[in-house]
Amino acid sequence: QVQLVESGGGSVQPGGSLRLSCVTSGFTLDQYAVGWFRQAPGKEREAVSCISAIDGSTHYGDSVKGRFIISRDNAKNTVYLQMNSLKPEDTAAYYCASDLTYASGKFCYGVQIGHGTRHWGKGTLVTVSS
């Protein structure tokens, strides 16, 4: 059974840091890329970062480039999102997802995962406020 479970969200002051985790099951990180997305209240979902299955190459949206770092631990089936220098505009629900379409699902397409058979976690809330 495919599952993605996020954790690590919380409340932090501007300039602070958080590390989100996405524990996956039912597939392996060397076969399928994983992406992080976020959605703030009243806004559309935004792709934040993606890590490729092929070589672990990483991709970031312009709004987080230089502040966020995506990484993975294949042995733990876990993808991380280290978020530094947080800003109030980073406040959102954060989701991890993977496109489990055979072959095409291993790549990142810019900062996105593929648009095939996407599986999502339930999200973790990040609030950045003073």
Foldseek 3Di string as FASTA:
>chain_A
DWAWAKDWADEEAAQAKIKMKIAIDDDFLLFAKKWKWWDDPPGDIGTAKIAASPPRDIAGDPVQPPFWDWGDDRVRNMIMIIGGRDDQVVWTWMKMKFAPDGPQRRDADHRHGDPHRMDIHPTDTHGYHD
